[in-house]
Amino acid sequence: MTTSFTDKQGQYLAFIYAYQRLHKQPPAEADMQRHFGVTPPTVHQMVIKLEQRGFIQRTPGKPRSIKLLLKPEQLPVLR
């Protein structure tokens, strides 16, 4: 697994981490959509890309199943 991610990918990863710490469950794609002010397809494509790159794991068809595969110290600060 590579830990090299773009700035935008890093912000999504940081959001997933922060959301899970705060709410004790992973975010839904709708939560990311509201936070980043983007469309549902934009969030979905990012989730797919993060999964392909090995940064997250999820169960297709199961809501709120995103599991972060990086350690907190590998993540950037959420802006």
PDB file of N, CA and C in Angstrom:
ATOM      1  N   MET A   1       0.845  -1.188   0.000  1.00  0.00           N
ATOM      2  CA  MET A   1       0.000   0.000   0.000  1.00  0.00           C
ATOM      3  C   MET A   1       0.887   1.247   0.000  1.00  0.00           C
ATOM      4  N   THR A   2       0.610   2.137  -0.901  1.00  0.00           N
ATOM      5  CA  THR A   2       1.336   3.399  -0.964  1.00  0.00           C
ATOM      6  C   THR A   2       0.658   4.426  -0.064  1.00  0.00           C
ATOM      7  N   THR A   3       1.430   5.319   0.531  1.00  0.00           N
ATOM      8  CA  THR A   3       0.827   6.361   1.363  1.00  0.00           C
ATOM      9  C   THR A   3       0.912   7.711   0.677  1.00  0.00           C
ATOM     10  N   SER A   4       1.151   7.695  -0.614  1.00  0.00           N
ATOM     11  CA  SER A   4       1.236   8.935  -1.374  1.00  0.00           C
ATOM     12  C   SER A   4      -0.150   9.282  -1.916  1.00  0.00           C
ATOM     13  N   PHE A   5      -0.696  10.405  -1.456  1.00  0.00           N
ATOM     14  CA  PHE A   5      -2.014  10.819  -1.919  1.00  0.00           C
ATOM     15  C   PHE A   5      -1.975  12.303  -2.271  1.00  0.00           C
ATOM     16  N   THR A   6      -2.928  12.713  -3.098  1.00  0.00           N
ATOM     17  CA  THR A   6      -3.026  14.120  -3.472  1.00  0.00           C
ATOM     18  C   THR A   6      -3.557  14.926  -2.291  1.00  0.00           C
ATOM     19  N   ASP A   7      -3.456  16.231  -2.382  1.00  0.00           N
ATOM     20  CA  ASP A   7      -3.973  17.105  -1.330  1.00  0.00           C
ATOM     21  C   ASP A   7      -5.466  16.859  -1.118  1.00  0.00           C
ATOM     22  N   LYS A   8      -6.214  16.771  -2.208  1.00  0.00           N
ATOM     23  CA  LYS A   8      -7.663  16.561  -2.114  1.00  0.00           C
ATOM     24  C   LYS A   8      -7.972  15.200  -1.500  1.00  0.00           C
ATOM     25  N   GLN A   9      -7.264  14.150  -1.923  1.00  0.00           N
ATOM     26  CA  GLN A   9      -7.463  12.829  -1.335  1.00  0.00           C
ATOM     27  C   GLN A   9      -7.141  12.862   0.154  1.00  0.00           C
ATOM     28  N   GLY A  10      -6.088  13.564   0.515  1.00  0.00           N
ATOM     29  CA  GLY A  10      -5.707  13.695   1.916  1.00  0.00           C
ATOM     30  C   GLY A  10      -6.794  14.345   2.745  1.00  0.00           C
ATOM     31  N   GLN A  11      -7.471  15.338   2.174  1.00  0.00           N
ATOM     32  CA  GLN A  11      -8.546  16.008   2.904  1.00  0.00           C
ATOM     33  C   GLN A  11      -9.746  15.071   3.103  1.00  0.00           C
ATOM     34  N   TYR A  12     -10.051  14.277   2.107  1.00  0.00           N
ATOM     35  CA  TYR A  12     -11.128  13.295   2.271  1.00  0.00           C
ATOM     36  C   TYR A  12     -10.754  12.275   3.337  1.00  0.00           C
ATOM     37  N   LEU A  13      -9.524  11.801   3.324  1.00  0.00           N
ATOM     38  CA  LEU A  13      -9.065  10.836   4.326  1.00  0.00           C
ATOM     39  C   LEU A  13      -9.097  11.448   5.725  1.00  0.00           C
ATOM     40  N   ALA A  14      -8.664  12.696   5.840  1.00  0.00           N
ATOM     41  CA  ALA A  14      -8.685  13.383   7.137  1.00  0.00           C
ATOM     42  C   ALA A  14     -10.119  13.571   7.613  1.00  0.00           C
ATOM     43  N   PHE A  15     -11.034  13.864   6.690  1.00  0.00           N
ATOM     44  CA  PHE A  15     -12.441  14.019   7.057  1.00  0.00           C
ATOM     45  C   PHE A  15     -13.018  12.699   7.562  1.00  0.00           C
ATOM     46  N   ILE A  16     -12.713  11.610   6.858  1.00  0.00           N
ATOM     47  CA  ILE A  16     -13.201  10.293   7.281  1.00  0.00           C
ATOM     48  C   ILE A  16     -12.726   9.998   8.701  1.00  0.00           C
ATOM     49  N   TYR A  17     -11.459  10.262   8.965  1.00  0.00           N
ATOM     50  CA  TYR A  17     -10.897  10.017  10.298  1.00  0.00           C
ATOM     51  C   TYR A  17     -11.583  10.888  11.356  1.00  0.00           C
ATOM     52  N   ALA A  18     -11.681  12.190  11.076  1.00  0.00           N
ATOM     53  CA  ALA A  18     -12.277  13.123  12.043  1.00  0.00           C
ATOM     54  C   ALA A  18     -13.748  12.801  12.286  1.00  0.00           C
ATOM     55  N   TYR A  19     -14.473  12.500  11.232  1.00  0.00           N
ATOM     56  CA  TYR A  19     -15.899  12.183  11.364  1.00  0.00           C
ATOM     57  C   TYR A  19     -16.089  10.946  12.232  1.00  0.00           C
ATOM     58  N   GLN A  20     -15.282   9.925  11.971  1.00  0.00           N
ATOM     59  CA  GLN A  20     -15.419   8.688  12.725  1.00  0.00           C
ATOM     60  C   GLN A  20     -15.083   8.895  14.203  1.00  0.00           C
ATOM     61  N   ARG A  21     -14.083   9.695  14.491  1.00  0.00           N
ATOM     62  CA  ARG A  21     -13.729   9.983  15.888  1.00  0.00           C
ATOM     63  C   ARG A  21     -14.858  10.735  16.591  1.00  0.00           C
ATOM     64  N   LEU A  22     -15.471  11.679  15.883  1.00  0.00           N
ATOM     65  CA  LEU A  22     -16.510  12.517  16.458  1.00  0.00           C
ATOM     66  C   LEU A  22     -17.848  11.789  16.622  1.00  0.00           C
ATOM     67  N   HIS A  23     -18.223  11.024  15.596  1.00  0.00           N
ATOM     68  CA  HIS A  23     -19.553  10.407  15.564  1.00  0.00           C
ATOM     69  C   HIS A  23     -19.561   8.913  15.870  1.00  0.00           C
ATOM     70  N   LYS A  24     -18.394   8.332  16.080  1.00  0.00           N
ATOM     71  CA  LYS A  24     -18.280   6.895  16.408  1.00  0.00           C
ATOM     72  C   LYS A  24     -18.826   5.981  15.320  1.00  0.00           C
ATOM     73  N   GLN A  25     -18.855   6.473  14.094  1.00  0.00           N
ATOM     74  CA  GLN A  25     -19.233   5.680  12.927  1.00  0.00           C
ATOM     75  C   GLN A  25     -18.654   6.352  11.687  1.00  0.00           C
ATOM     76  N   PRO A  26     -18.413   5.591  10.633  1.00  0.00           N
ATOM     77  CA  PRO A  26     -17.874   6.199   9.407  1.00  0.00           C
ATOM     78  C   PRO A  26     -18.892   7.150   8.778  1.00  0.00           C
ATOM     79  N   PRO A  27     -18.410   8.102   7.992  1.00  0.00           N
ATOM     80  CA  PRO A  27     -19.340   9.006   7.312  1.00  0.00           C
ATOM     81  C   PRO A  27     -20.045   8.317   6.159  1.00  0.00           C
ATOM     82  N   ALA A  28     -21.235   8.801   5.851  1.00  0.00           N
ATOM     83  CA  ALA A  28     -21.925   8.403   4.627  1.00  0.00           C
ATOM     84  C   ALA A  28     -21.393   9.310   3.514  1.00  0.00           C
ATOM     85  N   GLU A  29     -21.572   8.894   2.280  1.00  0.00           N
ATOM     86  CA  GLU A  29     -21.142   9.745   1.171  1.00  0.00           C
ATOM     87  C   GLU A  29     -21.843  11.096   1.230  1.00  0.00           C
ATOM     88  N   ALA A  30     -23.089  11.132   1.706  1.00  0.00           N
ATOM     89  CA  ALA A  30     -23.830  12.395   1.826  1.00  0.00           C
ATOM     90  C   ALA A  30     -23.156  13.345   2.818  1.00  0.00           C
ATOM     91  N   ASP A  31     -22.546  12.795   3.869  1.00  0.00           N
ATOM     92  CA  ASP A  31     -21.824  13.635   4.836  1.00  0.00           C
ATOM     93  C   ASP A  31     -20.620  14.301   4.169  1.00  0.00           C
ATOM     94  N   MET A  32     -19.909  13.543   3.344  1.00  0.00           N
ATOM     95  CA  MET A  32     -18.752  14.104   2.633  1.00  0.00           C
ATOM     96  C   MET A  32     -19.205  15.135   1.604  1.00  0.00           C
ATOM     97  N   GLN A  33     -20.330  14.858   0.958  1.00  0.00           N
ATOM     98  CA  GLN A  33     -20.884  15.795  -0.023  1.00  0.00           C
ATOM     99  C   GLN A  33     -21.175  17.140   0.632  1.00  0.00           C
ATOM    100  N   ARG A  34     -21.813  17.110   1.798  1.00  0.00           N
ATOM    101  CA  ARG A  34     -22.128  18.360   2.500  1.00  0.00           C
ATOM    102  C   ARG A  34     -20.854  19.079   2.948  1.00  0.00           C
ATOM    103  N   HIS A  35     -19.914  18.351   3.486  1.00  0.00           N
ATOM    104  CA  HIS A  35     -18.693  18.978   3.991  1.00  0.00           C
ATOM    105  C   HIS A  35     -17.889  19.646   2.876  1.00  0.00           C
ATOM    106  N   PHE A  36     -17.711  18.952   1.768  1.00  0.00           N
ATOM    107  CA  PHE A  36     -16.866  19.466   0.692  1.00  0.00           C
ATOM    108  C   PHE A  36     -17.628  20.297  -0.333  1.00  0.00           C
ATOM    109  N   GLY A  37     -18.960  20.312  -0.239  1.00  0.00           N
ATOM    110  CA  GLY A  37     -19.765  21.116  -1.163  1.00  0.00           C
ATOM    111  C   GLY A  37     -19.664  20.637  -2.598  1.00  0.00           C
ATOM    112  N   VAL A  38     -19.706  19.318  -2.779  1.00  0.00           N
ATOM    113  CA  VAL A  38     -19.593  18.738  -4.119  1.00  0.00           C
ATOM    114  C   VAL A  38     -20.810  17.862  -4.396  1.00  0.00           C
ATOM    115  N   THR A  39     -20.889  17.349  -5.618  1.00  0.00           N
ATOM    116  CA  THR A  39     -22.030  16.531  -6.027  1.00  0.00           C
ATOM    117  C   THR A  39     -21.849  15.074  -5.584  1.00  0.00           C
ATOM    118  N   PRO A  40     -22.951  14.332  -5.510  1.00  0.00           N
ATOM    119  CA  PRO A  40     -22.849  12.911  -5.152  1.00  0.00           C
ATOM    120  C   PRO A  40     -21.887  12.112  -6.054  1.00  0.00           C
ATOM    121  N   PRO A  41     -21.924  12.312  -7.385  1.00  0.00           N
ATOM    122  CA  PRO A  41     -20.972  11.549  -8.215  1.00  0.00           C
ATOM    123  C   PRO A  41     -19.501  11.881  -7.904  1.00  0.00           C
ATOM    124  N   THR A  42     -19.234  13.125  -7.540  1.00  0.00           N
ATOM    125  CA  THR A  42     -17.863  13.524  -7.204  1.00  0.00           C
ATOM    126  C   THR A  42     -17.382  12.770  -5.973  1.00  0.00           C
ATOM    127  N   VAL A  43     -18.220  12.704  -4.956  1.00  0.00           N
ATOM    128  CA  VAL A  43     -17.855  11.985  -3.728  1.00  0.00           C
ATOM    129  C   VAL A  43     -17.696  10.501  -4.035  1.00  0.00           C
ATOM    130  N   HIS A  44     -18.610   9.943  -4.778  1.00  0.00           N
ATOM    131  CA  HIS A  44     -18.554   8.508  -5.074  1.00  0.00           C
ATOM    132  C   HIS A  44     -17.275   8.156  -5.827  1.00  0.00           C
ATOM    133  N   GLN A  45     -16.921   8.983  -6.804  1.00  0.00           N
ATOM    134  CA  GLN A  45     -15.680   8.718  -7.552  1.00  0.00           C
ATOM    135  C   GLN A  45     -14.462   8.808  -6.641  1.00  0.00           C
ATOM    136  N   MET A  46     -14.467   9.741  -5.687  1.00  0.00           N
ATOM    137  CA  MET A  46     -13.353   9.861  -4.750  1.00  0.00           C
ATOM    138  C   MET A  46     -13.272   8.617  -3.862  1.00  0.00           C
ATOM    139  N   VAL A  47     -14.405   8.148  -3.388  1.00  0.00           N
ATOM    140  CA  VAL A  47     -14.429   6.948  -2.545  1.00  0.00           C
ATOM    141  C   VAL A  47     -13.875   5.756  -3.331  1.00  0.00           C
ATOM    142  N   ILE A  48     -14.287   5.616  -4.565  1.00  0.00           N
ATOM    143  CA  ILE A  48     -13.781   4.527  -5.409  1.00  0.00           C
ATOM    144  C   ILE A  48     -12.264   4.654  -5.578  1.00  0.00           C
ATOM    145  N   LYS A  49     -11.787   5.856  -5.851  1.00  0.00           N
ATOM    146  CA  LYS A  49     -10.352   6.084  -6.044  1.00  0.00           C
ATOM    147  C   LYS A  49      -9.577   5.778  -4.762  1.00  0.00           C
ATOM    148  N   LEU A  50     -10.081   6.220  -3.614  1.00  0.00           N
ATOM    149  CA  LEU A  50      -9.402   5.953  -2.344  1.00  0.00           C
ATOM    150  C   LEU A  50      -9.339   4.451  -2.068  1.00  0.00           C
ATOM    151  N   GLU A  51     -10.397   3.748  -2.441  1.00  0.00           N
ATOM    152  CA  GLU A  51     -10.407   2.294  -2.254  1.00  0.00           C
ATOM    153  C   GLU A  51      -9.416   1.628  -3.205  1.00  0.00           C
ATOM    154  N   GLN A  52      -9.402   2.053  -4.455  1.00  0.00           N
ATOM    155  CA  GLN A  52      -8.474   1.493  -5.433  1.00  0.00           C
ATOM    156  C   GLN A  52      -7.018   1.704  -5.018  1.00  0.00           C
ATOM    157  N   ARG A  53      -6.739   2.844  -4.421  1.00  0.00           N
ATOM    158  CA  ARG A  53      -5.368   3.167  -3.998  1.00  0.00           C
ATOM    159  C   ARG A  53      -4.989   2.475  -2.691  1.00  0.00           C
ATOM    160  N   GLY A  54      -5.940   1.790  -2.037  1.00  0.00           N
ATOM    161  CA  GLY A  54      -5.650   1.049  -0.817  1.00  0.00           C
ATOM    162  C   GLY A  54      -5.656   1.889   0.444  1.00  0.00           C
ATOM    163  N   PHE A  55      -6.294   3.068   0.395  1.00  0.00           N
ATOM    164  CA  PHE A  55      -6.359   3.940   1.566  1.00  0.00           C
ATOM    165  C   PHE A  55      -7.552   3.612   2.464  1.00  0.00           C
ATOM    166  N   ILE A  56      -8.617   3.090   1.844  1.00  0.00           N
ATOM    167  CA  ILE A  56      -9.816   2.719   2.586  1.00  0.00           C
ATOM    168  C   ILE A  56     -10.289   1.353   2.110  1.00  0.00           C
ATOM    169  N   GLN A  57     -11.170   0.773   2.910  1.00  0.00           N
ATOM    170  CA  GLN A  57     -11.831  -0.473   2.546  1.00  0.00           C
ATOM    171  C   GLN A  57     -13.311  -0.249   2.823  1.00  0.00           C
ATOM    172  N   ARG A  58     -14.166  -0.837   2.012  1.00  0.00           N
ATOM    173  CA  ARG A  58     -15.601  -0.697   2.253  1.00  0.00           C
ATOM    174  C   ARG A  58     -16.330  -1.937   1.767  1.00  0.00           C
ATOM    175  N   THR A  59     -17.555  -2.070   2.222  1.00  0.00           N
ATOM    176  CA  THR A  59     -18.411  -3.172   1.810  1.00  0.00           C
ATOM    177  C   THR A  59     -19.455  -2.595   0.864  1.00  0.00           C
ATOM    178  N   PRO A  60     -19.369  -2.907  -0.442  1.00  0.00           N
ATOM    179  CA  PRO A  60     -20.354  -2.365  -1.393  1.00  0.00           C
ATOM    180  C   PRO A  60     -21.780  -2.713  -0.983  1.00  0.00           C
ATOM    181  N   GLY A  61     -22.652  -1.731  -1.103  1.00  0.00           N
ATOM    182  CA  GLY A  61     -24.056  -1.918  -0.771  1.00  0.00           C
ATOM    183  C   GLY A  61     -24.372  -1.771   0.705  1.00  0.00           C
ATOM    184  N   LYS A  62     -23.342  -1.648   1.541  1.00  0.00           N
ATOM    185  CA  LYS A  62     -23.574  -1.473   2.974  1.00  0.00           C
ATOM    186  C   LYS A  62     -23.254  -0.028   3.337  1.00  0.00           C
ATOM    187  N   PRO A  63     -24.240   0.719   3.841  1.00  0.00           N
ATOM    188  CA  PRO A  63     -23.983   2.119   4.194  1.00  0.00           C
ATOM    189  C   PRO A  63     -22.997   2.245   5.355  1.00  0.00           C
ATOM    190  N   ARG A  64     -22.261   3.326   5.333  1.00  0.00           N
ATOM    191  CA  ARG A  64     -21.316   3.658   6.409  1.00  0.00           C
ATOM    192  C   ARG A  64     -20.339   2.522   6.711  1.00  0.00           C
ATOM    193  N   SER A  65     -19.798   1.930   5.643  1.00  0.00           N
ATOM    194  CA  SER A  65     -18.887   0.801   5.831  1.00  0.00           C
ATOM    195  C   SER A  65     -17.433   1.163   5.540  1.00  0.00           C
ATOM    196  N   ILE A  66     -17.122   2.442   5.394  1.00  0.00           N
ATOM    197  CA  ILE A  66     -15.754   2.860   5.085  1.00  0.00           C
ATOM    198  C   ILE A  66     -14.844   2.599   6.280  1.00  0.00           C
ATOM    199  N   LYS A  67     -13.757   1.913   6.009  1.00  0.00           N
ATOM    200  CA  LYS A  67     -12.748   1.641   7.035  1.00  0.00           C
ATOM    201  C   LYS A  67     -11.431   2.251   6.561  1.00  0.00           C
ATOM    202  N   LEU A  68     -10.888   3.143   7.348  1.00  0.00           N
ATOM    203  CA  LEU A  68      -9.633   3.803   7.028  1.00  0.00           C
ATOM    204  C   LEU A  68      -8.483   2.824   7.255  1.00  0.00           C
ATOM    205  N   LEU A  69      -7.601   2.687   6.266  1.00  0.00           N
ATOM    206  CA  LEU A  69      -6.492   1.749   6.363  1.00  0.00           C
ATOM    207  C   LEU A  69      -5.154   2.425   6.662  1.00  0.00           C
ATOM    208  N   LEU A  70      -5.199   3.724   6.914  1.00  0.00           N
ATOM    209  CA  LEU A  70      -3.982   4.471   7.248  1.00  0.00           C
ATOM    210  C   LEU A  70      -3.972   4.788   8.740  1.00  0.00           C
ATOM    211  N   LYS A  71      -2.797   4.971   9.273  1.00  0.00           N
ATOM    212  CA  LYS A  71      -2.660   5.380  10.670  1.00  0.00           C
ATOM    213  C   LYS A  71      -2.909   6.887  10.766  1.00  0.00           C
ATOM    214  N   PRO A  72      -3.440   7.365  11.891  1.00  0.00           N
ATOM    215  CA  PRO A  72      -3.723   8.791  12.034  1.00  0.00           C
ATOM    216  C   PRO A  72      -2.506   9.689  11.758  1.00  0.00           C
ATOM    217  N   GLU A  73      -1.333   9.235  12.120  1.00  0.00           N
ATOM    218  CA  GLU A  73      -0.140  10.060  11.896  1.00  0.00           C
ATOM    219  C   GLU A  73       0.255  10.173  10.429  1.00  0.00           C
ATOM    220  N   GLN A  74      -0.361   9.363   9.581  1.00  0.00           N
ATOM    221  CA  GLN A  74      -0.106   9.447   8.136  1.00  0.00           C
ATOM    222  C   GLN A  74      -1.031  10.448   7.460  1.00  0.00           C
ATOM    223  N   LEU A  75      -1.998  10.970   8.180  1.00  0.00           N
ATOM    224  CA  LEU A  75      -3.017  11.845   7.598  1.00  0.00           C
ATOM    225  C   LEU A  75      -2.638  13.322   7.761  1.00  0.00           C
ATOM    226  N   PRO A  76      -3.081  14.154   6.796  1.00  0.00           N
ATOM    227  CA  PRO A  76      -2.871  15.586   6.954  1.00  0.00           C
ATOM    228  C   PRO A  76      -3.879  16.186   7.921  1.00  0.00           C
ATOM    229  N   VAL A  77      -3.700  17.429   8.260  1.00  0.00           N
ATOM    230  CA  VAL A  77      -4.646  18.157   9.114  1.00  0.00           C
ATOM    231  C   VAL A  77      -5.851  18.521   8.247  1.00  0.00           C
ATOM    232  N   LEU A  78      -7.048  18.292   8.777  1.00  0.00           N
ATOM    233  CA  LEU A  78      -8.271  18.645   8.067  1.00  0.00           C
ATOM    234  C   LEU A  78      -8.434  20.144   8.056  1.00  0.00           C
ATOM    235  N   ARG A  79      -8.645  20.706   6.858  1.00  0.00           N
ATOM    236  CA  ARG A  79      -8.844  22.147   6.732  1.00  0.00           C
ATOM    237  C   ARG A  79     -10.320  22.455   6.552  1.00  0.00           C
TER     238      ARG A  79
END
